[in-house]
């Protein structure tokens, strides 16, 4: 251990099993006061399960937990909150049918009286303004009407709000996964200022650059155990990836077909953003990987959904010449079928090919699911398990398997790498390029510059319109951000 500041939280020998599956195998973890601890590991390594134990939303089968040197009896989410532990999990917990202010009131029952809405609104907007200046969110907005990036911002800001309970430790599980580069930097900057004020953090991210740059100490988990624990300054990216157990230590060379001449293959998609003025449209040909970039909520997802709709019925905004599959970024709302098995979730886009007579063949469904479980390394012993038995990142892999295992010639990807580990990302990049070389077309909205560099062309969006069309040679984070703040011509 390298914790030198007073210990705020200490976990000793934490074990947790889900049936025959061992999620945690005796984990020790300590967090100092005013420390930012980075927690990394591949999907299914046990990070989120350990955080659920710390948050009180799951109980350990064995082991002990102490906060400020005391072992709280009957530990629960309510007790955790009273002791100052706040959580922002990868799967967001806001009530979609309530407003931003009402969700804040749910989190703070002490906000009472006739003007509780105004109090709750002021409380959440104060934190939103502090963390995400220029956020554009109103306290009266219904959460279900907000884009997933703005929902993430509300959830993060709510964790920082305080009434009659202290804020000592905030768990941030993939907090930037739905944020664009600009808002992610706002959050990370605020986190470091909060650390200077004495608040502790456990920061979980598959974006290793964020962990290396912003954390004081890093703990690596693998297969339900901690395998490394050291000051962040002792790690670089290669050492971190090696500790996680990935065989690919060195970053792979970008394989985008740089400078691909447009129009050399059949047209697959032609689409025009709703607010586009003058000349400007998205064009994608067979075998191209087209990136959609820009600040979150500026029309990228809306255009992808218009293209998806146009594949099934006429739409004046889009022309689509082949079958389409969608990999949703918001897997809770638009991706998984929570009552279905892993195999059923993977096979639902391929039902015609799974039929035997009038019925779905279980043998064919299982064969498809097992093929993609092995190909994309979905961590499960049995594809008949419920989809929610998977970690968030592995659920996202199942959505990739659903699309890539289908007959769709066009794959729409709505920021699909949320919560996916670095090893899987590299494998998916290769898989996407392989499929594109075989003639599949990809339209890929992403908030990550490294992913944009995998694309042949990148359209940057601003206020619902395309403001720049960049080749892969031209894509840099600075150029994308500059274009994002430019006005459409």
Protein backbone atom coordinates (compact mmCIF):
# COMPACT_ATOMS: atom_id res chain seq x y z
CA UNK A 1 0.00 0.00 0.00
CA UNK A 2 1.13 3.54 -0.72
CA UNK A 3 -1.62 5.41 1.12
CA UNK A 4 0.07 8.02 3.29
CA UNK A 5 -2.91 10.29 4.08
CA UNK A 6 -5.32 9.19 6.86
CA UNK A 7 -7.44 6.27 5.70
CA UNK A 8 -11.02 7.25 4.94
CA UNK A 9 -12.18 3.84 3.70
CA UNK A 10 -10.64 0.40 4.13
CA UNK A 11 -11.86 -2.87 2.62
CA UNK A 12 -10.22 -6.12 3.79
CA UNK A 13 -10.60 -9.57 2.26
CA UNK A 14 -13.81 -8.80 0.37
CA UNK A 15 -15.31 -11.88 -1.30
CA UNK A 16 -18.45 -12.03 -3.42
CA UNK A 17 -19.98 -14.88 -5.41
CA UNK A 18 -22.96 -14.93 -7.78
CA UNK A 19 -23.87 -18.58 -7.79
CA UNK A 20 -20.85 -20.48 -9.10
CA UNK A 21 -19.25 -17.30 -10.45
CA UNK A 22 -16.62 -15.68 -8.22
CA UNK A 23 -16.80 -11.93 -8.69
CA UNK A 24 -14.40 -10.95 -5.88
CA UNK A 25 -11.76 -13.23 -4.42
CA UNK A 26 -10.51 -11.51 -1.27
CA UNK A 27 -9.90 -7.89 -2.25
CA UNK A 28 -8.04 -5.37 -0.05
CA UNK A 29 -8.46 -1.69 -0.85
CA UNK A 30 -7.81 1.56 1.03
CA UNK A 31 -8.56 5.17 0.12
CA UNK A 32 -6.93 8.10 1.88
CA UNK A 33 -8.62 11.37 2.73
CA UNK A 34 -8.18 13.86 -0.10
CA UNK A 35 -6.91 11.16 -2.47
CA UNK A 36 -8.00 10.27 -6.00
CA UNK A 37 -7.65 6.54 -6.47
CA UNK A 38 -7.79 5.18 -10.02
CA UNK A 39 -9.31 1.70 -10.33
CA UNK A 40 -8.74 -0.09 -13.63
CA UNK A 41 -9.20 -3.55 -15.10
CA UNK A 42 -10.89 -5.32 -17.97
CA UNK A 43 -14.65 -5.84 -18.14
CA UNK A 44 -15.66 -8.39 -15.53
CA UNK A 45 -12.55 -7.84 -13.38
CA UNK A 46 -14.77 -7.04 -10.37
CA UNK A 47 -14.46 -3.25 -10.18
CA UNK A 48 -18.17 -2.42 -10.20
CA UNK A 49 -19.02 -5.29 -7.83
CA UNK A 50 -16.45 -4.00 -5.34
CA UNK A 51 -17.91 -0.50 -5.61
CA UNK A 52 -21.41 -1.85 -5.00
CA UNK A 53 -20.12 -3.40 -1.76
CA UNK A 54 -18.62 -0.05 -0.75
CA UNK A 55 -21.83 1.76 -1.68
CA UNK A 56 -23.94 -0.64 0.36
CA UNK A 57 -25.96 -1.78 -2.67
CA UNK A 58 -24.42 -5.27 -2.41
CA UNK A 59 -23.26 -7.22 0.62
CA UNK A 60 -19.97 -9.10 0.74
CA UNK A 61 -19.99 -12.84 1.43
CA UNK A 62 -16.85 -12.38 3.50
CA UNK A 63 -14.53 -9.56 4.57
CA UNK A 64 -14.76 -6.26 6.44
CA UNK A 65 -15.35 -2.60 5.66
CA UNK A 66 -14.38 0.38 7.80
CA UNK A 67 -15.03 4.08 7.29
CA UNK A 68 -13.02 6.56 9.36
CA UNK A 69 -11.79 3.61 11.41
CA UNK A 70 -15.28 2.39 12.35
CA UNK A 71 -17.09 -0.72 11.05
CA UNK A 72 -20.70 0.42 10.51
CA UNK A 73 -23.35 -2.12 11.56
CA UNK A 74 -26.08 -3.09 9.09
CA UNK A 75 -24.28 -1.32 6.26
CA UNK A 76 -26.70 -0.12 3.56
CA UNK A 77 -26.95 2.61 0.90
CA UNK A 78 -28.60 4.91 3.44
CA UNK A 79 -25.81 4.44 5.98
CA UNK A 80 -23.18 4.86 3.27
CA UNK A 81 -24.73 8.17 2.27
CA UNK A 82 -24.89 9.38 5.89
CA UNK A 83 -21.20 8.57 6.25
CA UNK A 84 -20.40 10.63 3.14
CA UNK A 85 -20.08 7.96 0.43
CA UNK A 86 -21.64 8.99 -2.89
CA UNK A 87 -21.79 6.92 -6.07
CA UNK A 88 -22.17 7.59 -9.78
CA UNK A 89 -22.46 4.15 -11.32
CA UNK A 90 -22.00 3.32 -14.98
CA UNK A 91 -25.68 2.42 -15.22
CA UNK A 92 -27.39 5.72 -14.41
CA UNK A 93 -29.97 5.77 -11.60
CA UNK A 94 -32.05 8.87 -12.37
CA UNK A 95 -35.82 8.51 -12.55
CA UNK A 96 -36.62 9.29 -16.20
CA UNK A 97 -40.19 10.47 -15.57
CA UNK A 98 -39.09 13.10 -13.03
CA UNK A 99 -37.51 16.49 -13.58
CA UNK A 100 -33.92 17.34 -12.73
CA UNK A 101 -35.09 19.13 -9.57
CA UNK A 102 -37.35 16.24 -8.55
CA UNK A 103 -34.48 13.77 -8.95
CA UNK A 104 -32.45 15.98 -6.64
CA UNK A 105 -35.28 15.92 -4.09
CA UNK A 106 -35.31 12.09 -4.23
CA UNK A 107 -31.61 12.18 -3.34
CA UNK A 108 -32.16 14.71 -0.51
CA UNK A 109 -35.34 13.92 1.48
CA UNK A 110 -34.53 16.79 3.85
CA UNK A 111 -35.62 19.26 1.15
CA UNK A 112 -39.14 19.91 2.39
CA UNK A 113 -41.70 22.71 2.55
CA UNK A 114 -43.80 24.43 -0.08
CA UNK A 115 -40.76 25.67 -2.00
CA UNK A 116 -38.80 22.39 -2.06
CA UNK A 117 -38.71 22.40 -5.87
CA UNK A 118 -37.01 25.79 -5.92
CA UNK A 119 -34.52 24.65 -3.25
CA UNK A 120 -33.75 21.45 -5.15
CA UNK A 121 -33.44 23.34 -8.43
CA UNK A 122 -30.99 25.86 -6.97
CA UNK A 123 -28.97 23.07 -5.35
CA UNK A 124 -28.48 21.05 -8.54
CA UNK A 125 -27.98 24.05 -10.84
CA UNK A 126 -25.31 25.43 -8.53
CA UNK A 127 -23.30 22.22 -8.96
CA UNK A 128 -23.99 21.95 -12.67
CA UNK A 129 -22.74 25.52 -13.11
CA UNK A 130 -19.63 24.77 -11.06
CA UNK A 131 -18.75 21.52 -12.83
CA UNK A 132 -20.08 22.05 -16.36
CA UNK A 133 -20.25 25.78 -17.18
CA UNK A 134 -22.58 26.37 -20.13
CA UNK A 135 -24.35 23.02 -19.59
CA UNK A 136 -27.72 24.19 -20.98
CA UNK A 137 -29.76 22.12 -18.50
CA UNK A 138 -32.84 23.45 -16.70
CA UNK A 139 -34.05 22.24 -13.31
CA UNK A 140 -37.51 21.73 -14.87
CA UNK A 141 -36.24 19.47 -17.68
CA UNK A 142 -37.64 15.94 -17.67
CA UNK A 143 -34.73 13.51 -17.43
CA UNK A 144 -36.19 11.30 -20.17
CA UNK A 145 -35.97 14.27 -22.56
CA UNK A 146 -32.25 14.76 -21.95
CA UNK A 147 -29.58 13.18 -24.14
CA UNK A 148 -27.55 10.55 -22.32
CA UNK A 149 -24.57 12.91 -21.99
CA UNK A 150 -26.69 15.49 -20.17
CA UNK A 151 -28.19 12.77 -17.97
CA UNK A 152 -24.65 11.79 -17.04
CA UNK A 153 -23.91 15.43 -16.16
CA UNK A 154 -26.97 15.61 -13.89
CA UNK A 155 -26.06 12.36 -12.14
CA UNK A 156 -22.49 13.54 -11.54
CA UNK A 157 -23.58 16.96 -10.29
CA UNK A 158 -26.17 15.42 -7.97
CA UNK A 159 -23.47 13.34 -6.28
CA UNK A 160 -21.66 16.54 -5.30
CA UNK A 161 -24.73 18.25 -3.80
CA UNK A 162 -24.86 18.45 -0.01
CA UNK A 163 -27.60 19.27 2.49
CA UNK A 164 -27.44 17.72 5.97
CA UNK A 165 -25.02 14.91 5.04
CA UNK A 166 -21.28 15.24 4.34
CA UNK A 167 -19.55 14.51 1.04
CA UNK A 168 -16.37 12.59 1.82
CA UNK A 169 -15.91 10.00 -0.93
CA UNK A 170 -17.35 9.98 -4.46
CA UNK A 171 -17.22 6.86 -6.60
CA UNK A 172 -17.13 7.76 -10.29
CA UNK A 173 -17.66 4.64 -12.42
CA UNK A 174 -16.95 5.54 -16.07
CA UNK A 175 -18.18 9.12 -15.51
CA UNK A 176 -16.89 10.44 -18.85
CA UNK A 177 -18.17 7.55 -20.96
CA UNK A 178 -21.08 9.61 -22.32
CA UNK A 179 -19.33 12.99 -22.28
CA UNK A 180 -17.57 14.71 -25.15
CA UNK A 181 -13.95 15.81 -24.76
CA UNK A 182 -14.91 19.34 -23.63
CA UNK A 183 -17.30 18.34 -20.84
CA UNK A 184 -15.02 15.47 -19.78
CA UNK A 185 -12.21 17.97 -19.23
CA UNK A 186 -14.57 20.17 -17.22
CA UNK A 187 -15.41 17.25 -14.92
CA UNK A 188 -11.82 16.11 -14.49
CA UNK A 189 -10.68 19.63 -13.68
CA UNK A 190 -13.43 20.00 -11.07
CA UNK A 191 -12.50 16.61 -9.58
CA UNK A 192 -8.93 17.74 -9.00
CA UNK A 193 -10.13 20.95 -7.36
CA UNK A 194 -12.38 18.89 -5.09
CA UNK A 195 -9.42 16.68 -4.14
CA UNK A 196 -7.52 19.82 -3.14
CA UNK A 197 -10.48 20.65 -0.88
CA UNK A 198 -10.18 17.27 0.87
CA UNK A 199 -12.80 15.15 -0.94
CA UNK A 200 -11.71 11.62 -1.89
CA UNK A 201 -12.50 9.84 -5.15
CA UNK A 202 -12.47 6.37 -6.61
CA UNK A 203 -12.22 6.95 -10.34
CA UNK A 204 -12.97 4.05 -12.70
CA UNK A 205 -12.29 4.53 -16.40
CA UNK A 206 -11.23 2.53 -19.42
CA UNK A 207 -9.68 5.72 -20.81
CA UNK A 208 -6.24 5.09 -19.38
CA UNK A 209 -4.97 8.58 -20.20
CA UNK A 210 -7.58 10.05 -17.84
CA UNK A 211 -6.48 7.71 -15.04
CA UNK A 212 -2.77 8.35 -15.52
CA UNK A 213 -3.19 12.13 -15.69
CA UNK A 214 -5.72 12.75 -12.94
CA UNK A 215 -5.27 10.08 -10.25
CA UNK A 216 -2.84 10.04 -7.32
CA UNK A 217 -2.68 6.27 -7.01
CA UNK A 218 -3.76 3.40 -9.25
CA UNK A 219 -5.06 -0.04 -8.33
CA UNK A 220 -5.37 -2.70 -11.03
CA UNK A 221 -7.90 -5.53 -10.73
CA UNK A 222 -7.95 -8.79 -12.64
CA UNK A 223 -10.26 -11.79 -12.19
CA UNK A 224 -11.72 -10.49 -8.94
CA UNK A 225 -8.40 -9.64 -7.27
CA UNK A 226 -6.05 -6.67 -7.03
CA UNK A 227 -2.81 -7.32 -8.92
CA UNK A 228 -1.10 -3.91 -8.69
CA UNK A 229 -1.24 -0.92 -6.34
CA UNK A 230 1.18 1.99 -6.71
CA UNK A 231 1.50 5.75 -7.13
CA UNK A 232 0.22 6.89 -10.50
CA UNK A 233 3.66 8.32 -11.34
CA UNK A 234 5.12 4.79 -11.42
CA UNK A 235 2.82 3.75 -14.27
CA UNK A 236 2.77 4.53 -17.94
CA UNK A 237 0.20 3.24 -20.41
CA UNK A 238 2.19 0.14 -21.38
CA UNK A 239 2.78 -0.91 -17.77
CA UNK A 240 -0.86 -0.32 -16.93
CA UNK A 241 -2.11 -2.39 -19.86
CA UNK A 242 0.39 -5.15 -19.04
CA UNK A 243 -0.81 -5.24 -15.41
CA UNK A 244 -4.39 -5.59 -16.63
CA UNK A 245 -3.34 -8.72 -18.49
CA UNK A 246 -3.76 -7.59 -22.08
CA UNK A 247 -1.40 -9.27 -24.52
CA UNK A 248 -1.42 -6.16 -26.71
CA UNK A 249 0.81 -3.71 -24.87
CA UNK A 250 1.75 -1.33 -27.64
CA UNK A 251 -0.87 0.86 -29.26
CA UNK A 252 -1.78 -0.44 -32.68
CA UNK A 253 -1.22 1.68 -35.73
CA UNK A 254 -4.36 3.32 -37.04
CA UNK A 255 -5.59 1.28 -39.97
CA UNK A 256 -8.04 3.71 -41.49
CA UNK A 257 -7.81 3.93 -45.26
CA UNK A 258 -6.33 7.41 -45.21
CA UNK A 259 -7.42 9.64 -48.03
CA UNK A 260 -9.89 7.13 -49.51
CA UNK A 261 -11.33 8.64 -52.67
CA UNK A 262 -15.05 9.27 -52.26
CA UNK A 263 -17.52 7.55 -54.53
CA UNK A 264 -15.35 4.59 -55.54
CA UNK A 265 -17.93 2.10 -54.25
CA UNK A 266 -21.76 1.97 -54.26
CA UNK A 267 -23.66 4.55 -52.24
CA UNK A 268 -25.02 3.15 -48.99
CA UNK A 269 -26.28 6.24 -47.10
CA UNK A 270 -27.03 9.83 -47.99
CA UNK A 271 -28.52 11.92 -45.18
CA UNK A 272 -29.09 15.56 -44.34
CA UNK A 273 -29.22 16.88 -40.75
CA UNK A 274 -32.50 18.60 -39.89
CA UNK A 275 -30.90 22.01 -39.28
CA UNK A 276 -28.47 21.93 -42.19
CA UNK A 277 -28.36 25.15 -44.17
CA UNK A 278 -26.68 25.59 -47.54
CA UNK A 279 -24.75 22.68 -49.06
CA UNK A 280 -23.94 19.87 -46.69
CA UNK A 281 -24.91 16.25 -46.21
CA UNK A 282 -23.53 13.00 -44.88
CA UNK A 283 -22.50 10.50 -47.53
CA UNK A 284 -21.32 6.95 -46.89
CA UNK A 285 -20.29 4.36 -49.46
CA UNK A 286 -19.85 0.62 -49.27
CA UNK A 287 -16.83 -0.31 -47.16
CA UNK A 288 -16.41 3.11 -45.54
CA UNK A 289 -16.16 3.89 -41.84
CA UNK A 290 -17.71 7.31 -41.30
CA UNK A 291 -17.25 9.13 -38.00
CA UNK A 292 -19.71 11.57 -36.45
CA UNK A 293 -18.05 13.95 -34.01
CA UNK A 294 -18.69 17.14 -32.08
CA UNK A 295 -20.11 18.09 -28.70
CA UNK A 296 -22.65 15.63 -27.31
CA UNK A 297 -26.29 16.33 -28.12
CA UNK A 298 -25.68 18.31 -31.31
CA UNK A 299 -27.62 16.11 -33.71
CA UNK A 300 -25.41 13.06 -34.20
CA UNK A 301 -27.74 10.54 -32.54
CA UNK A 302 -30.78 12.19 -34.12
CA UNK A 303 -29.33 11.67 -37.60
CA UNK A 304 -28.40 8.05 -36.88
CA UNK A 305 -31.97 7.37 -35.77
CA UNK A 306 -33.31 9.09 -38.91
CA UNK A 307 -31.12 6.80 -41.03
CA UNK A 308 -32.32 3.76 -39.04
CA UNK A 309 -35.92 4.84 -39.61
CA UNK A 310 -35.33 5.45 -43.32
CA UNK A 311 -34.18 1.84 -43.76
CA UNK A 312 -37.71 0.72 -42.87
CA UNK A 313 -39.84 3.47 -44.38
CA UNK A 314 -39.43 6.46 -46.63
CA UNK A 315 -37.81 9.52 -45.05
CA UNK A 316 -37.10 12.70 -46.97
CA UNK A 317 -33.97 13.33 -44.92
CA UNK A 318 -32.17 10.08 -45.71
CA UNK A 319 -31.52 7.64 -48.53
CA UNK A 320 -30.52 4.12 -47.44
CA UNK A 321 -29.72 1.36 -49.94
CA UNK A 322 -29.10 -1.68 -47.72
CA UNK A 323 -30.19 -3.34 -44.45
CA UNK A 324 -29.28 -1.62 -41.18
CA UNK A 325 -28.37 -2.63 -37.61
CA UNK A 326 -27.92 -0.28 -34.65
CA UNK A 327 -25.47 -0.56 -31.75
CA UNK A 328 -27.03 1.64 -29.07
CA UNK A 329 -24.88 3.65 -26.69
CA UNK A 330 -27.65 3.94 -24.09
CA UNK A 331 -27.96 0.22 -23.53
CA UNK A 332 -30.45 0.59 -20.67
CA UNK A 333 -33.02 2.50 -22.72
CA UNK A 334 -32.30 1.36 -26.29
CA UNK A 335 -30.11 -1.73 -26.17
CA UNK A 336 -30.63 -4.79 -24.00
CA UNK A 337 -33.85 -6.71 -23.40
CA UNK A 338 -33.49 -7.11 -19.62
CA UNK A 339 -35.76 -10.16 -19.25
CA UNK A 340 -34.01 -12.13 -21.99
CA UNK A 341 -30.93 -14.33 -21.97
CA UNK A 342 -27.59 -13.38 -23.50
CA UNK A 343 -28.26 -15.69 -26.44
CA UNK A 344 -31.69 -14.17 -27.08
CA UNK A 345 -30.26 -10.64 -26.94
CA UNK A 346 -27.58 -11.52 -29.48
CA UNK A 347 -29.89 -13.40 -31.82
CA UNK A 348 -32.84 -11.00 -31.96
CA UNK A 349 -31.48 -9.18 -35.06
CA UNK A 350 -30.93 -12.49 -36.88
CA UNK A 351 -34.29 -14.21 -36.38
CA UNK A 352 -34.89 -15.13 -40.07
CA UNK A 353 -31.63 -17.08 -40.21
CA UNK A 354 -32.35 -18.79 -36.87
CA UNK A 355 -35.71 -20.18 -37.95
CA UNK A 356 -36.33 -23.87 -38.41
CA UNK A 357 -39.76 -24.11 -39.93
CA UNK A 358 -42.02 -21.67 -38.11
CA UNK A 359 -40.00 -21.66 -34.87
CA UNK A 360 -36.63 -20.35 -33.72
CA UNK A 361 -34.08 -23.15 -33.51
CA UNK A 362 -32.45 -23.16 -30.03
CA UNK A 363 -29.46 -24.96 -31.55
CA UNK A 364 -28.89 -22.23 -34.16
CA UNK A 365 -29.46 -19.47 -31.59
CA UNK A 366 -26.94 -21.05 -29.21
CA UNK A 367 -24.40 -21.54 -32.02
CA UNK A 368 -24.61 -17.86 -33.00
CA UNK A 369 -24.33 -16.68 -29.40
CA UNK A 370 -21.40 -18.98 -28.57
CA UNK A 371 -19.58 -17.98 -31.76
CA UNK A 372 -19.73 -14.31 -30.83
CA UNK A 373 -19.11 -14.92 -27.12
CA UNK A 374 -15.76 -16.43 -28.09
CA UNK A 375 -15.04 -13.99 -30.91
CA UNK A 376 -15.59 -10.84 -28.87
CA UNK A 377 -14.74 -12.41 -25.48
CA UNK A 378 -18.01 -11.90 -23.62
CA UNK A 379 -17.24 -13.00 -20.06
CA UNK A 380 -19.92 -15.54 -19.19
CA UNK A 381 -19.87 -19.28 -18.55
CA UNK A 382 -23.28 -19.77 -20.16
CA UNK A 383 -25.10 -17.78 -22.87
CA UNK A 384 -28.41 -18.84 -21.32
CA UNK A 385 -27.78 -16.58 -18.32
CA UNK A 386 -29.81 -13.39 -18.14
CA UNK A 387 -28.22 -10.44 -19.96
CA UNK A 388 -28.12 -8.46 -16.70
CA UNK A 389 -25.75 -11.06 -15.24
CA UNK A 390 -23.06 -9.42 -17.39
CA UNK A 391 -21.03 -6.38 -16.43
CA UNK A 392 -21.91 -3.17 -18.27
CA UNK A 393 -19.02 -3.53 -20.68
CA UNK A 394 -19.92 -7.12 -21.47
CA UNK A 395 -23.54 -6.10 -22.11
CA UNK A 396 -22.16 -3.64 -24.65
CA UNK A 397 -20.17 -6.45 -26.27
CA UNK A 398 -23.42 -8.40 -26.64
CA UNK A 399 -24.92 -5.44 -28.54
CA UNK A 400 -21.91 -5.47 -30.89
CA UNK A 401 -22.39 -9.20 -31.36
CA UNK A 402 -26.07 -8.64 -32.20
CA UNK A 403 -25.23 -6.18 -34.98
CA UNK A 404 -22.10 -7.82 -36.40
CA UNK A 405 -23.65 -11.28 -36.27
CA UNK A 406 -26.58 -10.12 -38.39
CA UNK A 407 -26.91 -9.74 -42.16
CA UNK A 408 -26.96 -5.92 -41.97
CA UNK A 409 -24.71 -4.22 -44.53
CA UNK A 410 -24.86 -0.89 -42.70
CA UNK A 411 -24.04 -0.68 -38.98
CA UNK A 412 -24.95 2.46 -37.06
CA UNK A 413 -22.98 2.93 -33.82
CA UNK A 414 -24.22 5.49 -31.28
CA UNK A 415 -21.14 6.07 -29.07
CA UNK A 416 -21.05 2.32 -28.46
CA UNK A 417 -17.78 1.94 -26.51
CA UNK A 418 -19.19 3.13 -23.16
CA UNK A 419 -17.53 1.08 -20.43
CA UNK A 420 -15.61 -1.19 -22.82
CA UNK A 421 -12.06 -2.04 -21.78
CA UNK A 422 -8.99 -1.10 -23.80
CA UNK A 423 -8.23 -4.65 -24.93
CA UNK A 424 -11.72 -5.16 -26.31
CA UNK A 425 -11.63 -1.75 -27.98
CA UNK A 426 -8.51 -2.69 -29.93
CA UNK A 427 -10.12 -5.97 -30.97
CA UNK A 428 -13.32 -4.21 -32.03
CA UNK A 429 -11.33 -1.66 -34.05
CA UNK A 430 -9.72 -4.54 -35.96
CA UNK A 431 -13.07 -6.28 -36.37
CA UNK A 432 -14.72 -3.13 -37.72
CA UNK A 433 -11.90 -2.59 -40.22
CA UNK A 434 -12.07 -6.24 -41.28
CA UNK A 435 -15.83 -5.99 -41.81
CA UNK A 436 -15.42 -2.69 -43.70
CA UNK A 437 -12.80 -4.28 -45.97
CA UNK A 438 -15.41 -6.96 -46.71
CA UNK A 439 -17.91 -4.30 -47.77
CA UNK A 440 -19.81 -3.36 -44.62
CA UNK A 441 -20.45 0.33 -44.02
CA UNK A 442 -20.17 1.86 -40.56
CA UNK A 443 -21.54 5.18 -39.27
CA UNK A 444 -19.89 5.75 -35.92
CA UNK A 445 -20.80 8.52 -33.50
CA UNK A 446 -18.09 8.72 -30.86
CA UNK A 447 -16.79 11.18 -28.29
CA UNK A 448 -13.25 9.68 -28.34
CA UNK A 449 -10.56 11.05 -30.64
CA UNK A 450 -8.77 7.68 -30.84
CA UNK A 451 -11.94 6.17 -32.28
CA UNK A 452 -12.36 8.98 -34.80
CA UNK A 453 -8.87 8.15 -36.07
CA UNK A 454 -10.15 4.71 -37.03
CA UNK A 455 -12.56 6.35 -39.50
CA UNK A 456 -12.08 7.14 -43.19
CA UNK A 457 -13.96 10.43 -42.94
CA UNK A 458 -15.32 12.40 -39.99
CA UNK A 459 -18.27 14.79 -40.01
CA UNK A 460 -18.25 17.30 -37.13
CA UNK A 461 -21.65 18.49 -35.88
CA UNK A 462 -22.63 21.78 -34.29
CA UNK A 463 -26.20 22.80 -33.39
CA UNK A 464 -27.72 19.99 -35.45
CA UNK A 465 -25.71 20.72 -38.59
CA UNK A 466 -22.50 19.46 -40.20
CA UNK A 467 -19.78 22.11 -39.90
CA UNK A 468 -16.71 20.14 -41.04
CA UNK A 469 -15.79 17.07 -43.10
CA UNK A 470 -12.33 15.78 -42.16
CA UNK A 471 -10.26 12.93 -43.57
CA UNK A 472 -8.56 10.65 -41.05
CA UNK A 473 -5.29 12.52 -41.72
CA UNK A 474 -6.90 15.73 -40.49
CA UNK A 475 -8.50 14.40 -37.30
CA UNK A 476 -7.01 15.82 -34.10
CA UNK A 477 -8.75 16.60 -30.82
CA UNK A 478 -7.93 20.29 -31.26
CA UNK A 479 -9.40 20.44 -34.78
CA UNK A 480 -12.56 18.59 -33.73
CA UNK A 481 -13.09 20.92 -30.75
CA UNK A 482 -12.41 24.02 -32.86
CA UNK A 483 -14.93 22.84 -35.45
CA UNK A 484 -17.43 21.99 -32.69
CA UNK A 485 -17.49 25.59 -31.54
CA UNK A 486 -17.64 27.02 -35.07
CA UNK A 487 -20.93 28.07 -36.59
CA UNK A 488 -22.28 26.23 -39.60
CA UNK A 489 -21.81 28.10 -42.86
